[in-house]
Amino acid sequence: MSGGNELALRHERLRQRAAMLARLRGFFAERGFLEVETPVVDAEIIPELHIEPFGVGDASHKQAFGFLQASPELHMKRLLCEGLPAIFQVTRSFRYGERGAIHNPEFTMVEWYRTGDGMAAGMQLLDELCQAVAGSSVATRTTYAEAFRTHAGVDAHHANCAELAAAAKRLHVAVPEGIHADDRDEWLNLLLADVVEPRLGADWPEILYDYPATQSALAVTATRADGTLVGERFELYWHGIELANGYHELTDAAALRTRLEEVNRQRSADNRPALPLPERLLAAMADPGLPACSGCALGFDRLAMLAGGATTIDDVMAFTW
């Protein structure tokens, strides 16, 4: 392709991206959502096991101010605690060390919350948004257990570490040297990334839900009819790429503190720094309280890439790192 044609395609994709953003804002406006803006720098952050934040300081490196936020979650939930019932945000998010065909350290995230919604309503809203914004087909819904049974041949909720390790060997999965062999979630994450995820949403979007309770993160847990305890968490995949991550949100401040402290404990065990807890969010969740709600975060660059037929998010971003 000549230089002139490449430039024309680049500009057309930027116009398509802008049109998608306009449709997205219209989608939320039609449903009574308020668009909000929250800080991208804060002294507090929500610690996550597999995400490293950027620290922010002055030019002399003598004073630290906080972190570039990996998600607007901690601020948006404080707005929910204040009484706003349905909010969304289009923001820049930052994650250290992430660069590749579908990763950039700075990227566009769309995040939203609506009070009164459980997991089913959260999945439905996500599905409707993708149809309206990207022109996608109706998403199929698959439980985490079904996906592992179909693609990996294991019982994700009950298999022990030895059985999961055997499945990895049978499926010719390369096992990293640093894996904790006695950690079920590490084996599950390995199988998910190498075996299950690439097969999800092959023809149309697919929502994976009912994760193992040990992977609930910031979601509530629930017991299904067969007695299995699950995390009410859902993720959207399209062409094997994760696009969105949602929760029936945990509203108990004490339980959230316990989970975040455990994340920091695991970070410390891996020789990574513990991170400051979002104390103002935890205080607001305790009083006046976080209403029952569902929330979801969507990687907009990835959605624009797939909707526009591109092969990398670089093709749909004006500039990248």
Foldseek 3Di string as FASTA:
>chain_A
DDPVVLVVLLVVLQVLLVQLVVLLVVLVVVVPAAEDDDDQFAQAAQDDQPFDWDWDDDPVPPGTGHTRYQDCVLVVLLVLLVPRFKYKYWDWGATPPFDDQATFRIAIKIKMKGFPDALVVVLVSVQVSLCRRLVFDRAAEDEPQRLCCVWQVDRLQDDALVVLVVSCVVVVQDDDPPDDSRDSVSSSVSCCLPIRLQPAQQPTKYKYFFAQPVPLQFADWDADPVRGITRGKMWIHHNSDTWKIKHQGDLQLVVNVVSSVVSQVVCVVVVHHRGHHSVVSSVSCVPPRRGGMMMMMGRSLVSSCVSVVHRGSCSNDPDGD
